[in-house]
């Protein structure tokens, strides 16, 4: 495994752990079902986006686009 691939994976894991912990604590203290549903849907959507971005970045690294800022 490339050393450059490790960083996006570690950042993704840290962000997912933060969202699970933070929104898990919020859901535990909220009594309303609708608010619980909202506070479950938001982190699930964010987690999907974070994983997709991580996969996209890994594909960029594997294809050789390490410096994608040079395109702009």
PDB file of N, CA and C in Angstrom:
ATOM      1  N   UNK A   1       0.847  -1.183   0.000  1.00  0.00           N
ATOM      2  CA  UNK A   1       0.000   0.000   0.000  1.00  0.00           C
ATOM      3  C   UNK A   1       0.890   1.243   0.000  1.00  0.00           C
ATOM      4  N   UNK A   2       0.530   2.194  -0.823  1.00  0.00           N
ATOM      5  CA  UNK A   2       1.267   3.452  -0.907  1.00  0.00           C
ATOM      6  C   UNK A   2       1.178   4.229   0.393  1.00  0.00           C
ATOM      7  N   UNK A   3       2.234   4.942   0.716  1.00  0.00           N
ATOM      8  CA  UNK A   3       2.192   5.789   1.907  1.00  0.00           C
ATOM      9  C   UNK A   3       1.237   6.954   1.710  1.00  0.00           C
ATOM     10  N   UNK A   4       1.045   7.381   0.458  1.00  0.00           N
ATOM     11  CA  UNK A   4       0.154   8.506   0.181  1.00  0.00           C
ATOM     12  C   UNK A   4      -1.312   8.123   0.346  1.00  0.00           C
ATOM     13  N   UNK A   5      -1.624   6.855   0.252  1.00  0.00           N
ATOM     14  CA  UNK A   5      -3.005   6.404   0.397  1.00  0.00           C
ATOM     15  C   UNK A   5      -3.405   6.341   1.868  1.00  0.00           C
ATOM     16  N   UNK A   6      -2.448   6.199   2.739  1.00  0.00           N
ATOM     17  CA  UNK A   6      -2.740   6.047   4.169  1.00  0.00           C
ATOM     18  C   UNK A   6      -3.373   7.312   4.753  1.00  0.00           C
ATOM     19  N   UNK A   7      -2.891   8.482   4.355  1.00  0.00           N
ATOM     20  CA  UNK A   7      -3.397   9.740   4.919  1.00  0.00           C
ATOM     21  C   UNK A   7      -4.893   9.948   4.669  1.00  0.00           C
ATOM     22  N   UNK A   8      -5.397   9.801   3.427  1.00  0.00           N
ATOM     23  CA  UNK A   8      -6.847   9.966   3.240  1.00  0.00           C
ATOM     24  C   UNK A   8      -7.672   8.954   4.022  1.00  0.00           C
ATOM     25  N   UNK A   9      -7.157   7.735   4.153  1.00  0.00           N
ATOM     26  CA  UNK A   9      -7.891   6.713   4.896  1.00  0.00           C
ATOM     27  C   UNK A   9      -7.943   7.061   6.380  1.00  0.00           C
ATOM     28  N   UNK A  10      -6.824   7.525   6.931  1.00  0.00           N
ATOM     29  CA  UNK A  10      -6.787   7.898   8.351  1.00  0.00           C
ATOM     30  C   UNK A  10      -7.711   9.080   8.625  1.00  0.00           C
ATOM     31  N   UNK A  11      -7.675  10.080   7.752  1.00  0.00           N
ATOM     32  CA  UNK A  11      -8.546  11.259   7.925  1.00  0.00           C
ATOM     33  C   UNK A  11     -10.011  10.844   7.835  1.00  0.00           C
ATOM     34  N   UNK A  12     -10.335   9.958   6.912  1.00  0.00           N
ATOM     35  CA  UNK A  12     -11.714   9.474   6.775  1.00  0.00           C
ATOM     36  C   UNK A  12     -12.162   8.742   8.031  1.00  0.00           C
ATOM     37  N   UNK A  13     -11.320   7.894   8.568  1.00  0.00           N
ATOM     38  CA  UNK A  13     -11.672   7.143   9.784  1.00  0.00           C
ATOM     39  C   UNK A  13     -11.868   8.091  10.966  1.00  0.00           C
ATOM     40  N   UNK A  14     -11.000   9.084  11.092  1.00  0.00           N
ATOM     41  CA  UNK A  14     -11.130  10.051  12.193  1.00  0.00           C
ATOM     42  C   UNK A  14     -12.425  10.843  12.070  1.00  0.00           C
ATOM     43  N   UNK A  15     -12.749  11.318  10.866  1.00  0.00           N
ATOM     44  CA  UNK A  15     -13.994  12.071  10.674  1.00  0.00           C
ATOM     45  C   UNK A  15     -15.223  11.211  10.938  1.00  0.00           C
ATOM     46  N   UNK A  16     -15.213   9.976  10.470  1.00  0.00           N
ATOM     47  CA  UNK A  16     -16.355   9.089  10.710  1.00  0.00           C
ATOM     48  C   UNK A  16     -16.521   8.793  12.199  1.00  0.00           C
ATOM     49  N   UNK A  17     -15.417   8.584  12.899  1.00  0.00           N
ATOM     50  CA  UNK A  17     -15.494   8.342  14.342  1.00  0.00           C
ATOM     51  C   UNK A  17     -16.042   9.570  15.060  1.00  0.00           C
ATOM     52  N   UNK A  18     -15.616  10.761  14.634  1.00  0.00           N
ATOM     53  CA  UNK A  18     -16.113  11.999  15.241  1.00  0.00           C
ATOM     54  C   UNK A  18     -17.612  12.140  15.028  1.00  0.00           C
ATOM     55  N   UNK A  19     -18.080  11.913  13.796  1.00  0.00           N
ATOM     56  CA  UNK A  19     -19.515  12.039  13.525  1.00  0.00           C
ATOM     57  C   UNK A  19     -20.318  11.017  14.327  1.00  0.00           C
ATOM     58  N   UNK A  20     -19.834   9.781  14.388  1.00  0.00           N
ATOM     59  CA  UNK A  20     -20.554   8.763  15.155  1.00  0.00           C
ATOM     60  C   UNK A  20     -20.628   9.138  16.624  1.00  0.00           C
ATOM     61  N   UNK A  21     -19.526   9.599  17.176  1.00  0.00           N
ATOM     62  CA  UNK A  21     -19.501   9.967  18.591  1.00  0.00           C
ATOM     63  C   UNK A  21     -20.375  11.184  18.866  1.00  0.00           C
ATOM     64  N   UNK A  22     -20.186  12.260  18.097  1.00  0.00           N
ATOM     65  CA  UNK A  22     -20.897  13.510  18.341  1.00  0.00           C
ATOM     66  C   UNK A  22     -22.406  13.352  18.153  1.00  0.00           C
ATOM     67  N   UNK A  23     -22.800  12.814  17.021  1.00  0.00           N
ATOM     68  CA  UNK A  23     -24.233  12.674  16.776  1.00  0.00           C
ATOM     69  C   UNK A  23     -24.844  11.558  17.615  1.00  0.00           C
ATOM     70  N   UNK A  24     -24.058  10.565  17.998  1.00  0.00           N
ATOM     71  CA  UNK A  24     -24.550   9.532  18.908  1.00  0.00           C
ATOM     72  C   UNK A  24     -24.891  10.105  20.266  1.00  0.00           C
ATOM     73  N   UNK A  25     -24.046  11.003  20.767  1.00  0.00           N
ATOM     74  CA  UNK A  25     -24.317  11.670  22.046  1.00  0.00           C
ATOM     75  C   UNK A  25     -25.572  12.536  21.925  1.00  0.00           C
ATOM     76  N   UNK A  26     -25.696  13.265  20.811  1.00  0.00           N
ATOM     77  CA  UNK A  26     -26.885  14.108  20.620  1.00  0.00           C
ATOM     78  C   UNK A  26     -28.159  13.277  20.592  1.00  0.00           C
ATOM     79  N   UNK A  27     -28.133  12.184  19.866  1.00  0.00           N
ATOM     80  CA  UNK A  27     -29.323  11.339  19.747  1.00  0.00           C
ATOM     81  C   UNK A  27     -29.681  10.723  21.101  1.00  0.00           C
ATOM     82  N   UNK A  28     -28.699  10.422  21.907  1.00  0.00           N
ATOM     83  CA  UNK A  28     -28.963   9.810  23.208  1.00  0.00           C
ATOM     84  C   UNK A  28     -29.718  10.761  24.143  1.00  0.00           C
ATOM     85  N   UNK A  29     -29.515  12.067  23.990  1.00  0.00           N
ATOM     86  CA  UNK A  29     -30.140  13.026  24.896  1.00  0.00           C
ATOM     87  C   UNK A  29     -31.398  13.690  24.334  1.00  0.00           C
ATOM     88  N   UNK A  30     -31.778  13.380  23.111  1.00  0.00           N
ATOM     89  CA  UNK A  30     -32.962  13.991  22.497  1.00  0.00           C
ATOM     90  C   UNK A  30     -34.150  13.046  22.661  1.00  0.00           C
ATOM     91  N   UNK A  31     -35.282  13.614  23.044  1.00  0.00           N
ATOM     92  CA  UNK A  31     -36.475  12.804  23.255  1.00  0.00           C
ATOM     93  C   UNK A  31     -37.385  12.733  22.027  1.00  0.00           C
ATOM     94  N   UNK A  32     -37.376  13.737  21.196  1.00  0.00           N
ATOM     95  CA  UNK A  32     -38.265  13.801  20.044  1.00  0.00           C
ATOM     96  C   UNK A  32     -37.803  12.834  18.949  1.00  0.00           C
ATOM     97  N   UNK A  33     -38.756  12.070  18.424  1.00  0.00           N
ATOM     98  CA  UNK A  33     -38.429  11.106  17.370  1.00  0.00           C
ATOM     99  C   UNK A  33     -37.978  11.795  16.092  1.00  0.00           C
ATOM    100  N   UNK A  34     -38.632  12.885  15.725  1.00  0.00           N
ATOM    101  CA  UNK A  34     -38.278  13.590  14.490  1.00  0.00           C
ATOM    102  C   UNK A  34     -36.875  14.186  14.557  1.00  0.00           C
ATOM    103  N   UNK A  35     -36.523  14.722  15.707  1.00  0.00           N
ATOM    104  CA  UNK A  35     -35.167  15.253  15.860  1.00  0.00           C
ATOM    105  C   UNK A  35     -34.130  14.132  15.853  1.00  0.00           C
ATOM    106  N   UNK A  36     -34.479  12.989  16.465  1.00  0.00           N
ATOM    107  CA  UNK A  36     -33.567  11.845  16.419  1.00  0.00           C
ATOM    108  C   UNK A  36     -33.354  11.389  14.983  1.00  0.00           C
ATOM    109  N   UNK A  37     -34.437  11.342  14.228  1.00  0.00           N
ATOM    110  CA  UNK A  37     -34.345  10.938  12.831  1.00  0.00           C
ATOM    111  C   UNK A  37     -33.477  11.911  12.043  1.00  0.00           C
ATOM    112  N   UNK A  38     -33.641  13.197  12.308  1.00  0.00           N
ATOM    113  CA  UNK A  38     -32.838  14.216  11.641  1.00  0.00           C
ATOM    114  C   UNK A  38     -31.367  14.080  12.002  1.00  0.00           C
ATOM    115  N   UNK A  39     -31.092  13.854  13.282  1.00  0.00           N
ATOM    116  CA  UNK A  39     -29.710  13.737  13.735  1.00  0.00           C
ATOM    117  C   UNK A  39     -29.094  12.375  13.410  1.00  0.00           C
ATOM    118  N   UNK A  40     -29.868  11.477  12.831  1.00  0.00           N
ATOM    119  CA  UNK A  40     -29.307  10.238  12.300  1.00  0.00           C
ATOM    120  C   UNK A  40     -29.074  10.380  10.797  1.00  0.00           C
ATOM    121  N   UNK A  41     -29.985  11.065  10.114  1.00  0.00           N
ATOM    122  CA  UNK A  41     -29.866  11.225   8.656  1.00  0.00           C
ATOM    123  C   UNK A  41     -28.692  12.121   8.267  1.00  0.00           C
ATOM    124  N   UNK A  42     -28.444  13.172   9.020  1.00  0.00           N
ATOM    125  CA  UNK A  42     -27.352  14.096   8.692  1.00  0.00           C
ATOM    126  C   UNK A  42     -25.991  13.391   8.720  1.00  0.00           C
ATOM    127  N   UNK A  43     -25.626  12.698   9.792  1.00  0.00           N
ATOM    128  CA  UNK A  43     -24.305  12.053   9.772  1.00  0.00           C
ATOM    129  C   UNK A  43     -24.200  10.905   8.775  1.00  0.00           C
ATOM    130  N   UNK A  44     -25.304  10.228   8.496  1.00  0.00           N
ATOM    131  CA  UNK A  44     -25.258   9.160   7.493  1.00  0.00           C
ATOM    132  C   UNK A  44     -24.959   9.759   6.123  1.00  0.00           C
ATOM    133  N   UNK A  45     -25.610  10.864   5.796  1.00  0.00           N
ATOM    134  CA  UNK A  45     -25.349  11.530   4.521  1.00  0.00           C
ATOM    135  C   UNK A  45     -23.911  12.043   4.460  1.00  0.00           C
ATOM    136  N   UNK A  46     -23.436  12.646   5.538  1.00  0.00           N
ATOM    137  CA  UNK A  46     -22.058  13.135   5.576  1.00  0.00           C
ATOM    138  C   UNK A  46     -21.058  11.981   5.485  1.00  0.00           C
ATOM    139  N   UNK A  47     -21.353  10.881   6.117  1.00  0.00           N
ATOM    140  CA  UNK A  47     -20.460   9.723   6.063  1.00  0.00           C
ATOM    141  C   UNK A  47     -20.357   9.170   4.647  1.00  0.00           C
ATOM    142  N   UNK A  48     -21.485   9.127   3.941  1.00  0.00           N
ATOM    143  CA  UNK A  48     -21.473   8.660   2.550  1.00  0.00           C
ATOM    144  C   UNK A  48     -20.617   9.578   1.686  1.00  0.00           C
ATOM    145  N   UNK A  49     -20.776  10.882   1.875  1.00  0.00           N
ATOM    146  CA  UNK A  49     -19.992  11.849   1.104  1.00  0.00           C
ATOM    147  C   UNK A  49     -18.507  11.727   1.432  1.00  0.00           C
ATOM    148  N   UNK A  50     -18.175  11.579   2.705  1.00  0.00           N
ATOM    149  CA  UNK A  50     -16.773  11.473   3.112  1.00  0.00           C
ATOM    150  C   UNK A  50     -16.133  10.220   2.524  1.00  0.00           C
ATOM    151  N   UNK A  51     -16.840   9.100   2.543  1.00  0.00           N
ATOM    152  CA  UNK A  51     -16.293   7.860   1.984  1.00  0.00           C
ATOM    153  C   UNK A  51     -16.127   7.982   0.468  1.00  0.00           C
ATOM    154  N   UNK A  52     -17.080   8.606  -0.206  1.00  0.00           N
ATOM    155  CA  UNK A  52     -16.968   8.805  -1.658  1.00  0.00           C
ATOM    156  C   UNK A  52     -15.781   9.691  -2.007  1.00  0.00           C
ATOM    157  N   UNK A  53     -15.574  10.752  -1.250  1.00  0.00           N
ATOM    158  CA  UNK A  53     -14.442  11.641  -1.491  1.00  0.00           C
ATOM    159  C   UNK A  53     -13.128  10.906  -1.233  1.00  0.00           C
ATOM    160  N   UNK A  54     -13.088  10.081  -0.214  1.00  0.00           N
ATOM    161  CA  UNK A  54     -11.886   9.304   0.078  1.00  0.00           C
ATOM    162  C   UNK A  54     -11.586   8.331  -1.070  1.00  0.00           C
ATOM    163  N   UNK A  55     -12.593   7.648  -1.554  1.00  0.00           N
ATOM    164  CA  UNK A  55     -12.392   6.719  -2.670  1.00  0.00           C
ATOM    165  C   UNK A  55     -11.932   7.462  -3.921  1.00  0.00           C
ATOM    166  N   UNK A  56     -12.497   8.639  -4.157  1.00  0.00           N
ATOM    167  CA  UNK A  56     -12.106   9.452  -5.305  1.00  0.00           C
ATOM    168  C   UNK A  56     -10.644   9.883  -5.178  1.00  0.00           C
ATOM    169  N   UNK A  57     -10.235  10.285  -3.994  1.00  0.00           N
ATOM    170  CA  UNK A  57      -8.850  10.708  -3.766  1.00  0.00           C
ATOM    171  C   UNK A  57      -7.880   9.533  -3.934  1.00  0.00           C
ATOM    172  N   UNK A  58      -8.261   8.355  -3.464  1.00  0.00           N
ATOM    173  CA  UNK A  58      -7.408   7.175  -3.632  1.00  0.00           C
ATOM    174  C   UNK A  58      -7.255   6.839  -5.110  1.00  0.00           C
ATOM    175  N   UNK A  59      -8.334   6.949  -5.873  1.00  0.00           N
ATOM    176  CA  UNK A  59      -8.246   6.715  -7.321  1.00  0.00           C
ATOM    177  C   UNK A  59      -7.341   7.736  -7.992  1.00  0.00           C
ATOM    178  N   UNK A  60      -7.397   8.997  -7.545  1.00  0.00           N
ATOM    179  CA  UNK A  60      -6.509  10.020  -8.096  1.00  0.00           C
ATOM    180  C   UNK A  60      -5.051   9.696  -7.800  1.00  0.00           C
ATOM    181  N   UNK A  61      -4.781   9.247  -6.589  1.00  0.00           N
ATOM    182  CA  UNK A  61      -3.402   8.913  -6.214  1.00  0.00           C
ATOM    183  C   UNK A  61      -2.907   7.726  -7.036  1.00  0.00           C
ATOM    184  N   UNK A  62      -3.745   6.719  -7.207  1.00  0.00           N
ATOM    185  CA  UNK A  62      -3.345   5.538  -7.978  1.00  0.00           C
ATOM    186  C   UNK A  62      -3.138   5.867  -9.449  1.00  0.00           C
ATOM    187  N   UNK A  63      -3.889   6.819  -9.987  1.00  0.00           N
ATOM    188  CA  UNK A  63      -3.743   7.159 -11.407  1.00  0.00           C
ATOM    189  C   UNK A  63      -2.587   8.122 -11.653  1.00  0.00           C
ATOM    190  N   UNK A  64      -1.981   8.618 -10.603  1.00  0.00           N
ATOM    191  CA  UNK A  64      -0.819   9.479 -10.761  1.00  0.00           C
ATOM    192  C   UNK A  64      -1.117  10.957 -10.622  1.00  0.00           C
ATOM    193  N   UNK A  65      -2.336  11.334 -10.327  1.00  0.00           N
ATOM    194  CA  UNK A  65      -2.694  12.743 -10.143  1.00  0.00           C
ATOM    195  C   UNK A  65      -2.477  13.129  -8.686  1.00  0.00           C
ATOM    196  N   UNK A  66      -1.240  13.235  -8.303  1.00  0.00           N
ATOM    197  CA  UNK A  66      -0.957  13.558  -6.910  1.00  0.00           C
ATOM    198  C   UNK A  66      -1.133  15.033  -6.619  1.00  0.00           C
ATOM    199  N   UNK A  67      -0.858  15.862  -7.610  1.00  0.00           N
ATOM    200  CA  UNK A  67      -0.983  17.303  -7.416  1.00  0.00           C
ATOM    201  C   UNK A  67      -2.121  17.805  -8.297  1.00  0.00           C
ATOM    202  N   UNK A  68      -3.351  17.655  -7.820  1.00  0.00           N
ATOM    203  CA  UNK A  68      -4.493  18.040  -8.629  1.00  0.00           C
ATOM    204  C   UNK A  68      -4.745  19.543  -8.598  1.00  0.00           C
ATOM    205  N   UNK A  69      -4.014  20.298  -7.776  1.00  0.00           N
ATOM    206  CA  UNK A  69      -4.155  21.757  -7.768  1.00  0.00           C
ATOM    207  C   UNK A  69      -3.533  22.387  -9.005  1.00  0.00           C
ATOM    208  N   UNK A  70      -2.651  21.671  -9.672  1.00  0.00           N
ATOM    209  CA  UNK A  70      -1.994  22.232 -10.847  1.00  0.00           C
ATOM    210  C   UNK A  70      -2.956  22.373 -12.027  1.00  0.00           C
ATOM    211  N   UNK A  71      -4.124  21.745 -11.965  1.00  0.00           N
ATOM    212  CA  UNK A  71      -5.097  21.857 -13.030  1.00  0.00           C
ATOM    213  C   UNK A  71      -5.822  23.203 -13.029  1.00  0.00           C
ATOM    214  N   UNK A  72      -5.742  23.922 -11.936  1.00  0.00           N
ATOM    215  CA  UNK A  72      -6.544  25.146 -11.809  1.00  0.00           C
ATOM    216  C   UNK A  72      -5.716  26.383 -11.964  1.00  0.00           C
TER     217      UNK A  72
END
